[in-house]
Amino acid sequence: MTIDLTPEQRRSRDIVRGHIVFAFGVLILLALAWLLIKELLIIYVSALFAVVLMPAVARITEMKFYGRHLSRPAAIFLLIASVVLLVGIFFTVGLPPVLHDLNQFSTELPSRIPEIVARLNHLPIANRLGVDAIVERAESALTATASYLVVSLPNWITHLFDILTALFLCIYFMLEGEHAYGFFLSLFPPAPRHRLDCTLRRANEKIGKWLLGQGLLMLILGISSSIVFGLLHVRYFLLLGFLMGLFNIIPIAGGVFTIALTAIVAALDSWTKMFGVIVFYLIYVNFENAFLIPRIMRTSVDLMGLTILIALLCGTALAGIVGALVAVPTAALIAVLLDEYAIRKDQAVA
């Protein structure tokens, strides 16, 4: 027995079926994304770095060499060759002294822990602080950290193929990324397409300027702290200066952690060195906030320190060091999208 349906009932039935099919399709896509999460992460990292590097490629193509402009493939090759050269110089000249200091620090630390305890026990409030218990926990933490680094080193070697894959994908994104970007925009109607295009280009500009400014601040702090620590004759000054610059990407917490570590190392020799280290950091922080940040970050749309810190924590929890590497650019992208489609939605409707 068949039941005749009215046109409205058939339309309602078709809509329900469409929603069911769409829901199953979303579930299948989520399942595939979960299975391919590693590959999707590599693709995302490659695309993100390609977006960040494209302004540099565009500037190279605008330059004239012997009266001619370089093509995009030639500009990409020149950029990658320059990056490889700089990385090679760093690993050849800069990294060995840092590794030497790190190895010496890890070797001498167990024998110097009693000296730390003796110095701290001379303080008037040592009994109240429970110095012995604190040092014992710190020693256990350092031992666990060293063991983790030794165990995890083979795992990093196995990721070499993933790094090479990401590198080649990044090159292809720079070569053919505009076609993929155009295809992505073509999936949207004309009016939303134009708005999304403007939003993504604004996000790209924000990411590039923030990375450039933050990289300059990290470089300035790393070089200046290495020079000052060397003049103060602080042990392992190259390692400590390198850590100061590296951890400067984390607002407030990174600086506090590294200056505390440096102060402890300096205090092993004398209280005067520790005082000099703390004075240098206080002077630098005021100089950075008053002079460097207003000039280096003047044209960029800054992210709040809390936003950066939360992004780094979430990125590290989700994907380890790779997640931390792309956390801040991703936070900048999300901030621009939220600003356009959540905060300014009333303007779009009007």
C-alpha atoms as a PDB file:
ATOM      1  CA  MET A   1       0.000   0.000   0.000  1.00  0.00           C
ATOM      2  CA  THR A   2       1.493   3.308  -1.026  1.00  0.00           C
ATOM      3  CA  ILE A   3       0.849   6.594   0.691  1.00  0.00           C
ATOM      4  CA  ASP A   4       0.591   9.662  -1.459  1.00  0.00           C
ATOM      5  CA  LEU A   5       2.571  12.567  -0.027  1.00  0.00           C
ATOM      6  CA  THR A   6       1.880  16.196  -0.606  1.00  0.00           C
ATOM      7  CA  PRO A   7       4.632  18.330  -2.188  1.00  0.00           C
ATOM      8  CA  GLU A   8       5.335  19.948   1.170  1.00  0.00           C
ATOM      9  CA  GLN A   9       5.727  16.547   2.860  1.00  0.00           C
ATOM     10  CA  ARG A  10       8.078  15.358   0.111  1.00  0.00           C
ATOM     11  CA  ARG A  11      10.119  18.523   0.430  1.00  0.00           C
ATOM     12  CA  SER A  12      10.311  18.042   4.208  1.00  0.00           C
ATOM     13  CA  ARG A  13      11.349  14.401   3.734  1.00  0.00           C
ATOM     14  CA  ASP A  14      14.089  15.381   1.279  1.00  0.00           C
ATOM     15  CA  ILE A  15      15.383  17.992   3.709  1.00  0.00           C
ATOM     16  CA  VAL A  16      15.554  15.413   6.529  1.00  0.00           C
ATOM     17  CA  ARG A  17      17.374  12.958   4.269  1.00  0.00           C
ATOM     18  CA  GLY A  18      19.803  15.673   3.245  1.00  0.00           C
ATOM     19  CA  HIS A  19      20.567  16.499   6.878  1.00  0.00           C
ATOM     20  CA  ILE A  20      21.135  12.826   7.674  1.00  0.00           C
ATOM     21  CA  VAL A  21      23.496  12.382   4.730  1.00  0.00           C
ATOM     22  CA  PHE A  22      25.341  15.579   5.672  1.00  0.00           C
ATOM     23  CA  ALA A  23      25.732  14.393   9.283  1.00  0.00           C
ATOM     24  CA  PHE A  24      27.132  11.030   8.136  1.00  0.00           C
ATOM     25  CA  GLY A  25      29.476  12.843   5.749  1.00  0.00           C
ATOM     26  CA  VAL A  26      30.797  15.047   8.560  1.00  0.00           C
ATOM     27  CA  LEU A  27      31.343  11.997  10.779  1.00  0.00           C
ATOM     28  CA  ILE A  28      33.251  10.226   7.995  1.00  0.00           C
ATOM     29  CA  LEU A  29      35.418  13.303   7.400  1.00  0.00           C
ATOM     30  CA  LEU A  30      36.167  13.594  11.129  1.00  0.00           C
ATOM     31  CA  ALA A  31      37.119   9.907  11.258  1.00  0.00           C
ATOM     32  CA  LEU A  32      39.436  10.333   8.264  1.00  0.00           C
ATOM     33  CA  ALA A  33      40.951  13.452   9.821  1.00  0.00           C
ATOM     34  CA  TRP A  34      41.624  11.509  13.031  1.00  0.00           C
ATOM     35  CA  LEU A  35      43.328   8.710  11.080  1.00  0.00           C
ATOM     36  CA  LEU A  36      45.360  11.185   9.029  1.00  0.00           C
ATOM     37  CA  ILE A  37      46.102  13.639  11.828  1.00  0.00           C
ATOM     38  CA  LYS A  38      49.868  13.330  11.401  1.00  0.00           C
ATOM     39  CA  GLU A  39      49.712  13.929   7.649  1.00  0.00           C
ATOM     40  CA  LEU A  40      47.285  16.838   8.086  1.00  0.00           C
ATOM     41  CA  LEU A  41      49.635  18.410  10.627  1.00  0.00           C
ATOM     42  CA  ILE A  42      52.534  18.182   8.160  1.00  0.00           C
ATOM     43  CA  ILE A  43      50.393  19.755   5.421  1.00  0.00           C
ATOM     44  CA  TYR A  44      49.245  22.560   7.737  1.00  0.00           C
ATOM     45  CA  VAL A  45      52.782  23.345   8.922  1.00  0.00           C
ATOM     46  CA  SER A  46      54.058  23.352   5.331  1.00  0.00           C
ATOM     47  CA  ALA A  47      51.266  25.638   4.135  1.00  0.00           C
ATOM     48  CA  LEU A  48      51.757  27.993   7.086  1.00  0.00           C
ATOM     49  CA  PHE A  49      55.483  28.367   6.474  1.00  0.00           C
ATOM     50  CA  ALA A  50      54.824  28.850   2.763  1.00  0.00           C
ATOM     51  CA  VAL A  51      52.422  31.694   3.581  1.00  0.00           C
ATOM     52  CA  VAL A  52      54.979  33.295   5.903  1.00  0.00           C
ATOM     53  CA  LEU A  53      57.804  32.995   3.348  1.00  0.00           C
ATOM     54  CA  MET A  54      55.851  34.206   0.311  1.00  0.00           C
ATOM     55  CA  PRO A  55      56.318  37.952   1.078  1.00  0.00           C
ATOM     56  CA  ALA A  56      60.091  37.380   1.063  1.00  0.00           C
ATOM     57  CA  VAL A  57      59.781  35.552  -2.265  1.00  0.00           C
ATOM     58  CA  ALA A  58      57.734  38.443  -3.669  1.00  0.00           C
ATOM     59  CA  ARG A  59      60.373  40.966  -2.607  1.00  0.00           C
ATOM     60  CA  ILE A  60      63.130  38.912  -4.220  1.00  0.00           C
ATOM     61  CA  THR A  61      61.205  38.770  -7.497  1.00  0.00           C
ATOM     62  CA  GLU A  62      60.898  42.581  -7.446  1.00  0.00           C
ATOM     63  CA  MET A  63      64.684  42.985  -7.315  1.00  0.00           C
ATOM     64  CA  LYS A  64      66.702  43.271 -10.492  1.00  0.00           C
ATOM     65  CA  PHE A  65      69.742  41.112 -11.179  1.00  0.00           C
ATOM     66  CA  TYR A  66      71.698  42.224 -14.235  1.00  0.00           C
ATOM     67  CA  GLY A  67      68.654  44.189 -15.401  1.00  0.00           C
ATOM     68  CA  ARG A  68      66.215  41.278 -15.040  1.00  0.00           C
ATOM     69  CA  HIS A  69      63.664  40.193 -12.463  1.00  0.00           C
ATOM     70  CA  LEU A  70      64.012  36.702 -11.083  1.00  0.00           C
ATOM     71  CA  SER A  71      61.227  34.224 -11.696  1.00  0.00           C
ATOM     72  CA  ARG A  72      59.349  32.772  -8.759  1.00  0.00           C
ATOM     73  CA  PRO A  73      61.143  29.369  -8.875  1.00  0.00           C
ATOM     74  CA  ALA A  74      64.512  31.150  -8.966  1.00  0.00           C
ATOM     75  CA  ALA A  75      63.496  33.413  -6.057  1.00  0.00           C
ATOM     76  CA  ILE A  76      62.352  30.386  -4.026  1.00  0.00           C
ATOM     77  CA  PHE A  77      65.631  28.597  -4.748  1.00  0.00           C
ATOM     78  CA  LEU A  78      67.606  31.680  -3.694  1.00  0.00           C
ATOM     79  CA  LEU A  79      65.585  32.031  -0.473  1.00  0.00           C
ATOM     80  CA  ILE A  80      65.968  28.365   0.463  1.00  0.00           C
ATOM     81  CA  ALA A  81      69.684  28.441  -0.344  1.00  0.00           C
ATOM     82  CA  SER A  82      70.084  31.491   1.925  1.00  0.00           C
ATOM     83  CA  VAL A  83      68.190  29.798   4.770  1.00  0.00           C
ATOM     84  CA  VAL A  84      70.233  26.595   4.380  1.00  0.00           C
ATOM     85  CA  LEU A  85      73.442  28.648   4.398  1.00  0.00           C
ATOM     86  CA  LEU A  86      72.454  30.514   7.575  1.00  0.00           C
ATOM     87  CA  VAL A  87      71.395  27.298   9.313  1.00  0.00           C
ATOM     88  CA  GLY A  88      74.628  25.638   8.232  1.00  0.00           C
ATOM     89  CA  ILE A  89      76.682  28.520   9.620  1.00  0.00           C
ATOM     90  CA  PHE A  90      74.765  28.354  12.892  1.00  0.00           C
ATOM     91  CA  PHE A  91      75.252  24.601  13.252  1.00  0.00           C
ATOM     92  CA  THR A  92      78.919  24.896  12.321  1.00  0.00           C
ATOM     93  CA  VAL A  93      79.918  28.000  14.268  1.00  0.00           C
ATOM     94  CA  GLY A  94      77.251  28.811  16.838  1.00  0.00           C
ATOM     95  CA  LEU A  95      75.849  25.491  17.993  1.00  0.00           C
ATOM     96  CA  PRO A  96      79.048  23.592  19.018  1.00  0.00           C
ATOM     97  CA  PRO A  97      79.957  26.073  21.809  1.00  0.00           C
ATOM     98  CA  VAL A  98      76.381  25.942  23.075  1.00  0.00           C
ATOM     99  CA  LEU A  99      76.421  22.132  23.092  1.00  0.00           C
ATOM    100  CA  HIS A 100      79.804  22.175  24.821  1.00  0.00           C
ATOM    101  CA  ASP A 101      78.419  24.397  27.569  1.00  0.00           C
ATOM    102  CA  LEU A 102      75.326  22.196  27.849  1.00  0.00           C
ATOM    103  CA  ASN A 103      77.425  19.038  28.185  1.00  0.00           C
ATOM    104  CA  GLN A 104      79.726  20.670  30.731  1.00  0.00           C
ATOM    105  CA  PHE A 105      76.762  22.027  32.686  1.00  0.00           C
ATOM    106  CA  SER A 106      75.037  18.623  32.859  1.00  0.00           C
ATOM    107  CA  THR A 107      78.315  16.954  33.881  1.00  0.00           C
ATOM    108  CA  GLU A 108      79.254  19.433  36.615  1.00  0.00           C
ATOM    109  CA  LEU A 109      75.771  19.979  38.044  1.00  0.00           C
ATOM    110  CA  PRO A 110      75.592  16.825  40.246  1.00  0.00           C
ATOM    111  CA  SER A 111      78.947  17.643  41.844  1.00  0.00           C
ATOM    112  CA  ARG A 112      77.947  21.262  42.419  1.00  0.00           C
ATOM    113  CA  ILE A 113      74.610  20.567  44.078  1.00  0.00           C
ATOM    114  CA  PRO A 114      76.234  20.245  47.561  1.00  0.00           C
ATOM    115  CA  GLU A 115      77.844  23.646  46.967  1.00  0.00           C
ATOM    116  CA  ILE A 116      74.419  25.086  46.159  1.00  0.00           C
ATOM    117  CA  VAL A 117      73.004  23.594  49.371  1.00  0.00           C
ATOM    118  CA  ALA A 118      75.873  24.999  51.428  1.00  0.00           C
ATOM    119  CA  ARG A 119      75.417  28.495  50.025  1.00  0.00           C
ATOM    120  CA  LEU A 120      71.662  28.434  50.532  1.00  0.00           C
ATOM    121  CA  ASN A 121      71.978  27.130  54.092  1.00  0.00           C
ATOM    122  CA  HIS A 122      73.897  30.275  55.009  1.00  0.00           C
ATOM    123  CA  LEU A 123      70.813  32.346  54.297  1.00  0.00           C
ATOM    124  CA  PRO A 124      68.810  33.384  57.396  1.00  0.00           C
ATOM    125  CA  ILE A 125      65.542  31.949  56.076  1.00  0.00           C
ATOM    126  CA  ALA A 126      67.009  28.625  54.883  1.00  0.00           C
ATOM    127  CA  ASN A 127      65.335  26.574  57.612  1.00  0.00           C
ATOM    128  CA  ARG A 128      61.918  28.029  56.859  1.00  0.00           C
ATOM    129  CA  LEU A 129      62.233  27.390  53.142  1.00  0.00           C
ATOM    130  CA  GLY A 130      63.208  23.738  53.533  1.00  0.00           C
ATOM    131  CA  VAL A 131      66.259  24.013  51.289  1.00  0.00           C
ATOM    132  CA  ASP A 132      67.245  20.347  51.477  1.00  0.00           C
ATOM    133  CA  ALA A 133      63.820  19.151  50.298  1.00  0.00           C
ATOM    134  CA  ILE A 134      63.740  21.722  47.488  1.00  0.00           C
ATOM    135  CA  VAL A 135      67.189  20.760  46.230  1.00  0.00           C
ATOM    136  CA  GLU A 136      66.335  17.059  46.379  1.00  0.00           C
ATOM    137  CA  ARG A 137      63.238  17.607  44.237  1.00  0.00           C
ATOM    138  CA  ALA A 138      65.182  19.777  41.817  1.00  0.00           C
ATOM    139  CA  GLU A 139      67.850  17.086  41.447  1.00  0.00           C
ATOM    140  CA  SER A 140      65.190  14.467  40.736  1.00  0.00           C
ATOM    141  CA  ALA A 141      63.593  16.736  38.135  1.00  0.00           C
ATOM    142  CA  LEU A 142      66.928  17.381  36.403  1.00  0.00           C
ATOM    143  CA  THR A 143      67.703  13.648  36.357  1.00  0.00           C
ATOM    144  CA  ALA A 144      64.282  12.877  34.853  1.00  0.00           C
ATOM    145  CA  THR A 145      64.754  15.618  32.239  1.00  0.00           C
ATOM    146  CA  ALA A 146      68.160  14.275  31.221  1.00  0.00           C
ATOM    147  CA  SER A 147      66.764  10.752  30.956  1.00  0.00           C
ATOM    148  CA  TYR A 148      63.887  11.992  28.805  1.00  0.00           C
ATOM    149  CA  LEU A 149      66.261  13.775  26.430  1.00  0.00           C
ATOM    150  CA  VAL A 150      68.393  10.658  26.035  1.00  0.00           C
ATOM    151  CA  VAL A 151      65.380   8.416  25.437  1.00  0.00           C
ATOM    152  CA  SER A 152      63.616  10.813  23.053  1.00  0.00           C
ATOM    153  CA  LEU A 153      66.667  11.463  20.848  1.00  0.00           C
ATOM    154  CA  PRO A 154      66.102   8.353  18.645  1.00  0.00           C
ATOM    155  CA  ASN A 155      62.497   9.447  18.140  1.00  0.00           C
ATOM    156  CA  TRP A 156      63.685  12.777  16.768  1.00  0.00           C
ATOM    157  CA  ILE A 157      65.908  10.970  14.298  1.00  0.00           C
ATOM    158  CA  THR A 158      62.902   9.017  13.018  1.00  0.00           C
ATOM    159  CA  HIS A 159      61.134  12.324  12.290  1.00  0.00           C
ATOM    160  CA  LEU A 160      63.757  13.258   9.705  1.00  0.00           C
ATOM    161  CA  PHE A 161      61.541  11.928   6.908  1.00  0.00           C
ATOM    162  CA  ASP A 162      58.622  14.042   8.146  1.00  0.00           C
ATOM    163  CA  ILE A 163      60.832  17.154   8.171  1.00  0.00           C
ATOM    164  CA  LEU A 164      61.979  16.517   4.596  1.00  0.00           C
ATOM    165  CA  THR A 165      58.374  15.907   3.527  1.00  0.00           C
ATOM    166  CA  ALA A 166      57.288  19.190   5.095  1.00  0.00           C
ATOM    167  CA  LEU A 167      60.160  20.989   3.358  1.00  0.00           C
ATOM    168  CA  PHE A 168      59.193  19.703  -0.104  1.00  0.00           C
ATOM    169  CA  LEU A 169      55.518  20.441   0.537  1.00  0.00           C
ATOM    170  CA  CYS A 170      56.431  23.972   1.580  1.00  0.00           C
ATOM    171  CA  ILE A 171      58.290  24.461  -1.709  1.00  0.00           C
ATOM    172  CA  TYR A 172      55.312  23.169  -3.703  1.00  0.00           C
ATOM    173  CA  PHE A 173      52.945  25.404  -1.751  1.00  0.00           C
ATOM    174  CA  MET A 174      55.095  28.413  -2.621  1.00  0.00           C
ATOM    175  CA  LEU A 175      55.166  27.367  -6.287  1.00  0.00           C
ATOM    176  CA  GLU A 176      51.503  26.431  -6.713  1.00  0.00           C
ATOM    177  CA  GLY A 177      49.867  27.827  -3.591  1.00  0.00           C
ATOM    178  CA  GLU A 178      48.010  30.572  -5.455  1.00  0.00           C
ATOM    179  CA  HIS A 179      46.165  27.993  -7.556  1.00  0.00           C
ATOM    180  CA  ALA A 180      45.151  26.045  -4.448  1.00  0.00           C
ATOM    181  CA  TYR A 181      44.145  29.277  -2.718  1.00  0.00           C
ATOM    182  CA  GLY A 182      42.046  30.321  -5.716  1.00  0.00           C
ATOM    183  CA  PHE A 183      40.318  26.938  -5.794  1.00  0.00           C
ATOM    184  CA  PHE A 184      39.566  27.233  -2.064  1.00  0.00           C
ATOM    185  CA  LEU A 185      38.019  30.686  -2.533  1.00  0.00           C
ATOM    186  CA  SER A 186      35.979  29.469  -5.517  1.00  0.00           C
ATOM    187  CA  LEU A 187      33.997  27.235  -3.149  1.00  0.00           C
ATOM    188  CA  PHE A 188      32.337  30.349  -1.678  1.00  0.00           C
ATOM    189  CA  PRO A 189      29.792  32.731  -3.259  1.00  0.00           C
ATOM    190  CA  PRO A 190      31.214  35.999  -4.675  1.00  0.00           C
ATOM    191  CA  ALA A 191      30.361  38.329  -1.766  1.00  0.00           C
ATOM    192  CA  PRO A 192      31.594  36.039   1.068  1.00  0.00           C
ATOM    193  CA  ARG A 193      34.565  35.089  -1.132  1.00  0.00           C
ATOM    194  CA  HIS A 194      35.788  38.693  -1.320  1.00  0.00           C
ATOM    195  CA  ARG A 195      35.368  39.183   2.411  1.00  0.00           C
ATOM    196  CA  LEU A 196      37.211  35.936   3.229  1.00  0.00           C
ATOM    197  CA  ASP A 197      39.999  36.840   0.820  1.00  0.00           C
ATOM    198  CA  CYS A 198      40.533  40.214   2.504  1.00  0.00           C
ATOM    199  CA  THR A 199      40.428  38.611   5.954  1.00  0.00           C
ATOM    200  CA  LEU A 200      42.988  35.921   5.115  1.00  0.00           C
ATOM    201  CA  ARG A 201      45.316  38.460   3.511  1.00  0.00           C
ATOM    202  CA  ARG A 202      45.100  40.604   6.638  1.00  0.00           C
ATOM    203  CA  ALA A 203      45.905  37.540   8.755  1.00  0.00           C
ATOM    204  CA  ASN A 204      48.864  36.754   6.524  1.00  0.00           C
ATOM    205  CA  GLU A 205      50.221  40.272   6.971  1.00  0.00           C
ATOM    206  CA  LYS A 206      49.766  40.074  10.729  1.00  0.00           C
ATOM    207  CA  ILE A 207      51.527  36.701  10.991  1.00  0.00           C
ATOM    208  CA  GLY A 208      54.469  37.832   8.896  1.00  0.00           C
ATOM    209  CA  LYS A 209      55.004  41.072  10.801  1.00  0.00           C
ATOM    210  CA  TRP A 210      54.687  39.410  14.192  1.00  0.00           C
ATOM    211  CA  LEU A 211      57.173  36.668  13.309  1.00  0.00           C
ATOM    212  CA  LEU A 212      59.672  39.153  11.932  1.00  0.00           C
ATOM    213  CA  GLY A 213      59.381  41.446  14.961  1.00  0.00           C
ATOM    214  CA  GLN A 214      59.526  38.609  17.471  1.00  0.00           C
ATOM    215  CA  GLY A 215      62.512  37.075  15.711  1.00  0.00           C
ATOM    216  CA  LEU A 216      64.387  40.404  15.917  1.00  0.00           C
ATOM    217  CA  LEU A 217      63.607  40.742  19.632  1.00  0.00           C
ATOM    218  CA  MET A 218      64.817  37.189  20.285  1.00  0.00           C
ATOM    219  CA  LEU A 219      68.021  37.830  18.337  1.00  0.00           C
ATOM    220  CA  ILE A 220      68.743  41.112  20.148  1.00  0.00           C
ATOM    221  CA  LEU A 221      68.189  39.577  23.591  1.00  0.00           C
ATOM    222  CA  GLY A 222      70.257  36.484  22.783  1.00  0.00           C
ATOM    223  CA  ILE A 223      73.245  38.464  21.493  1.00  0.00           C
ATOM    224  CA  SER A 224      73.166  41.153  24.184  1.00  0.00           C
ATOM    225  CA  SER A 225      72.772  38.667  27.048  1.00  0.00           C
ATOM    226  CA  SER A 226      75.622  36.491  25.699  1.00  0.00           C
ATOM    227  CA  ILE A 227      77.908  39.535  25.553  1.00  0.00           C
ATOM    228  CA  VAL A 228      76.981  40.772  29.038  1.00  0.00           C
ATOM    229  CA  PHE A 229      77.203  37.308  30.622  1.00  0.00           C
ATOM    230  CA  GLY A 230      80.586  36.850  28.972  1.00  0.00           C
ATOM    231  CA  LEU A 231      81.823  40.183  30.335  1.00  0.00           C
ATOM    232  CA  LEU A 232      80.605  39.170  33.794  1.00  0.00           C
ATOM    233  CA  HIS A 233      82.484  35.844  33.403  1.00  0.00           C
ATOM    234  CA  VAL A 234      79.335  33.834  34.046  1.00  0.00           C
ATOM    235  CA  ARG A 235      79.860  30.147  33.380  1.00  0.00           C
ATOM    236  CA  TYR A 236      78.174  28.682  30.304  1.00  0.00           C
ATOM    237  CA  PHE A 237      77.407  32.223  29.077  1.00  0.00           C
ATOM    238  CA  LEU A 238      76.896  31.057  25.484  1.00  0.00           C
ATOM    239  CA  LEU A 239      74.322  28.452  26.538  1.00  0.00           C
ATOM    240  CA  LEU A 240      72.545  30.892  28.840  1.00  0.00           C
ATOM    241  CA  GLY A 241      72.482  33.631  26.177  1.00  0.00           C
ATOM    242  CA  PHE A 242      71.094  31.170  23.643  1.00  0.00           C
ATOM    243  CA  LEU A 243      68.352  30.141  26.081  1.00  0.00           C
ATOM    244  CA  MET A 244      67.552  33.777  26.874  1.00  0.00           C
ATOM    245  CA  GLY A 245      66.939  34.516  23.202  1.00  0.00           C
ATOM    246  CA  LEU A 246      65.070  31.282  22.518  1.00  0.00           C
ATOM    247  CA  PHE A 247      62.686  31.507  25.465  1.00  0.00           C
ATOM    248  CA  ASN A 248      61.934  35.156  24.748  1.00  0.00           C
ATOM    249  CA  ILE A 249      59.171  33.864  22.465  1.00  0.00           C
ATOM    250  CA  ILE A 250      57.191  33.103  25.658  1.00  0.00           C
ATOM    251  CA  PRO A 251      56.068  36.392  27.217  1.00  0.00           C
ATOM    252  CA  ILE A 252      57.014  37.008  30.847  1.00  0.00           C
ATOM    253  CA  ALA A 253      57.305  33.298  31.782  1.00  0.00           C
ATOM    254  CA  GLY A 254      60.167  32.628  29.374  1.00  0.00           C
ATOM    255  CA  GLY A 255      62.197  35.569  30.611  1.00  0.00           C
ATOM    256  CA  VAL A 256      61.552  34.797  34.278  1.00  0.00           C
ATOM    257  CA  PHE A 257      62.595  31.153  33.821  1.00  0.00           C
ATOM    258  CA  THR A 258      65.831  31.904  31.969  1.00  0.00           C
ATOM    259  CA  ILE A 259      66.910  34.795  34.190  1.00  0.00           C
ATOM    260  CA  ALA A 260      66.255  32.645  37.282  1.00  0.00           C
ATOM    261  CA  LEU A 261      68.405  29.859  35.814  1.00  0.00           C
ATOM    262  CA  THR A 262      71.150  32.361  34.914  1.00  0.00           C
ATOM    263  CA  ALA A 263      71.027  33.934  38.370  1.00  0.00           C
ATOM    264  CA  ILE A 264      71.414  30.519  40.015  1.00  0.00           C
ATOM    265  CA  VAL A 265      74.389  29.641  37.811  1.00  0.00           C
ATOM    266  CA  ALA A 266      75.985  33.048  38.516  1.00  0.00           C
ATOM    267  CA  ALA A 267      75.369  32.667  42.256  1.00  0.00           C
ATOM    268  CA  LEU A 268      77.498  29.513  42.271  1.00  0.00           C
ATOM    269  CA  ASP A 269      80.507  31.744  41.676  1.00  0.00           C
ATOM    270  CA  SER A 270      79.576  34.898  43.579  1.00  0.00           C
ATOM    271  CA  TRP A 271      76.640  36.984  44.703  1.00  0.00           C
ATOM    272  CA  THR A 272      78.124  39.898  42.752  1.00  0.00           C
ATOM    273  CA  LYS A 273      77.693  38.065  39.443  1.00  0.00           C
ATOM    274  CA  MET A 274      74.126  37.181  40.337  1.00  0.00           C
ATOM    275  CA  PHE A 275      73.404  40.816  41.152  1.00  0.00           C
ATOM    276  CA  GLY A 276      74.953  41.900  37.828  1.00  0.00           C
ATOM    277  CA  VAL A 277      72.800  39.407  35.892  1.00  0.00           C
ATOM    278  CA  ILE A 278      69.598  40.612  37.562  1.00  0.00           C
ATOM    279  CA  VAL A 279      70.487  44.288  37.006  1.00  0.00           C
ATOM    280  CA  PHE A 280      71.193  43.609  33.311  1.00  0.00           C
ATOM    281  CA  TYR A 281      67.829  41.892  32.845  1.00  0.00           C
ATOM    282  CA  LEU A 282      65.906  44.680  34.571  1.00  0.00           C
ATOM    283  CA  ILE A 283      67.629  47.289  32.390  1.00  0.00           C
ATOM    284  CA  TYR A 284      66.990  45.263  29.232  1.00  0.00           C
ATOM    285  CA  VAL A 285      63.294  44.724  30.007  1.00  0.00           C
ATOM    286  CA  ASN A 286      62.756  48.452  30.444  1.00  0.00           C
ATOM    287  CA  PHE A 287      64.750  49.220  27.288  1.00  0.00           C
ATOM    288  CA  GLU A 288      62.782  46.638  25.306  1.00  0.00           C
ATOM    289  CA  ASN A 289      59.396  47.904  26.475  1.00  0.00           C
ATOM    290  CA  ALA A 290      60.250  51.573  26.061  1.00  0.00           C
ATOM    291  CA  PHE A 291      62.323  51.532  22.872  1.00  0.00           C
ATOM    292  CA  LEU A 292      62.473  48.209  20.981  1.00  0.00           C
ATOM    293  CA  ILE A 293      58.856  47.052  21.042  1.00  0.00           C
ATOM    294  CA  PRO A 294      57.317  50.424  19.988  1.00  0.00           C
ATOM    295  CA  ARG A 295      59.680  50.558  16.985  1.00  0.00           C
ATOM    296  CA  ILE A 296      59.954  46.918  15.942  1.00  0.00           C
ATOM    297  CA  MET A 297      56.296  46.071  16.547  1.00  0.00           C
ATOM    298  CA  ARG A 298      54.932  49.474  15.480  1.00  0.00           C
ATOM    299  CA  THR A 299      53.279  48.299  12.256  1.00  0.00           C
ATOM    300  CA  SER A 300      52.123  44.920  13.528  1.00  0.00           C
ATOM    301  CA  VAL A 301      48.855  44.054  15.244  1.00  0.00           C
ATOM    302  CA  ASP A 302      50.103  42.681  18.543  1.00  0.00           C
ATOM    303  CA  LEU A 303      48.710  39.650  20.266  1.00  0.00           C
ATOM    304  CA  MET A 304      48.220  39.825  24.009  1.00  0.00           C
ATOM    305  CA  GLY A 305      50.826  38.034  26.084  1.00  0.00           C
ATOM    306  CA  LEU A 306      48.126  35.860  27.625  1.00  0.00           C
ATOM    307  CA  THR A 307      46.943  34.827  24.157  1.00  0.00           C
ATOM    308  CA  ILE A 308      50.466  33.817  23.133  1.00  0.00           C
ATOM    309  CA  LEU A 309      51.027  31.866  26.346  1.00  0.00           C
ATOM    310  CA  ILE A 310      47.727  29.958  26.034  1.00  0.00           C
ATOM    311  CA  ALA A 311      48.436  29.240  22.362  1.00  0.00           C
ATOM    312  CA  LEU A 312      51.871  27.839  23.209  1.00  0.00           C
ATOM    313  CA  LEU A 313      50.468  25.654  25.987  1.00  0.00           C
ATOM    314  CA  CYS A 314      47.702  24.270  23.771  1.00  0.00           C
ATOM    315  CA  GLY A 315      50.004  23.784  20.785  1.00  0.00           C
ATOM    316  CA  THR A 316      52.572  21.936  22.875  1.00  0.00           C
ATOM    317  CA  ALA A 317      49.904  19.711  24.428  1.00  0.00           C
ATOM    318  CA  LEU A 318      48.406  18.841  21.031  1.00  0.00           C
ATOM    319  CA  ALA A 319      51.531  18.331  18.897  1.00  0.00           C
ATOM    320  CA  GLY A 320      54.643  18.784  20.999  1.00  0.00           C
ATOM    321  CA  ILE A 321      57.370  21.078  19.696  1.00  0.00           C
ATOM    322  CA  VAL A 322      55.781  21.223  16.240  1.00  0.00           C
ATOM    323  CA  GLY A 323      52.562  22.434  17.826  1.00  0.00           C
ATOM    324  CA  ALA A 324      54.448  25.092  19.777  1.00  0.00           C
ATOM    325  CA  LEU A 325      56.162  26.162  16.557  1.00  0.00           C
ATOM    326  CA  VAL A 326      52.879  26.944  14.788  1.00  0.00           C
ATOM    327  CA  ALA A 327      50.853  27.919  17.856  1.00  0.00           C
ATOM    328  CA  VAL A 328      51.371  31.680  17.683  1.00  0.00           C
ATOM    329  CA  PRO A 329      50.759  32.047  13.902  1.00  0.00           C
ATOM    330  CA  THR A 330      47.633  29.932  14.318  1.00  0.00           C
ATOM    331  CA  ALA A 331      46.479  32.132  17.196  1.00  0.00           C
ATOM    332  CA  ALA A 332      47.014  35.199  15.003  1.00  0.00           C
ATOM    333  CA  LEU A 333      44.933  33.615  12.228  1.00  0.00           C
ATOM    334  CA  ILE A 334      42.123  32.718  14.636  1.00  0.00           C
ATOM    335  CA  ALA A 335      42.201  36.213  16.151  1.00  0.00           C
ATOM    336  CA  VAL A 336      41.727  37.842  12.737  1.00  0.00           C
ATOM    337  CA  LEU A 337      38.907  35.446  11.805  1.00  0.00           C
ATOM    338  CA  LEU A 338      37.116  36.056  15.105  1.00  0.00           C
ATOM    339  CA  ASP A 339      37.542  39.797  14.715  1.00  0.00           C
ATOM    340  CA  GLU A 340      36.003  39.696  11.231  1.00  0.00           C
ATOM    341  CA  TYR A 341      33.215  37.145  11.652  1.00  0.00           C
ATOM    342  CA  ALA A 342      32.323  37.478  15.335  1.00  0.00           C
ATOM    343  CA  ILE A 343      33.088  41.055  16.369  1.00  0.00           C
ATOM    344  CA  ARG A 344      32.313  42.756  13.057  1.00  0.00           C
ATOM    345  CA  LYS A 345      29.366  40.602  12.033  1.00  0.00           C
ATOM    346  CA  ASP A 346      26.943  43.435  12.652  1.00  0.00           C
ATOM    347  CA  GLN A 347      28.841  45.587  10.169  1.00  0.00           C
ATOM    348  CA  ALA A 348      28.640  42.812   7.584  1.00  0.00           C
ATOM    349  CA  VAL A 349      24.877  42.497   8.043  1.00  0.00           C
ATOM    350  CA  ALA A 350      24.460  46.260   7.738  1.00  0.00           C
END
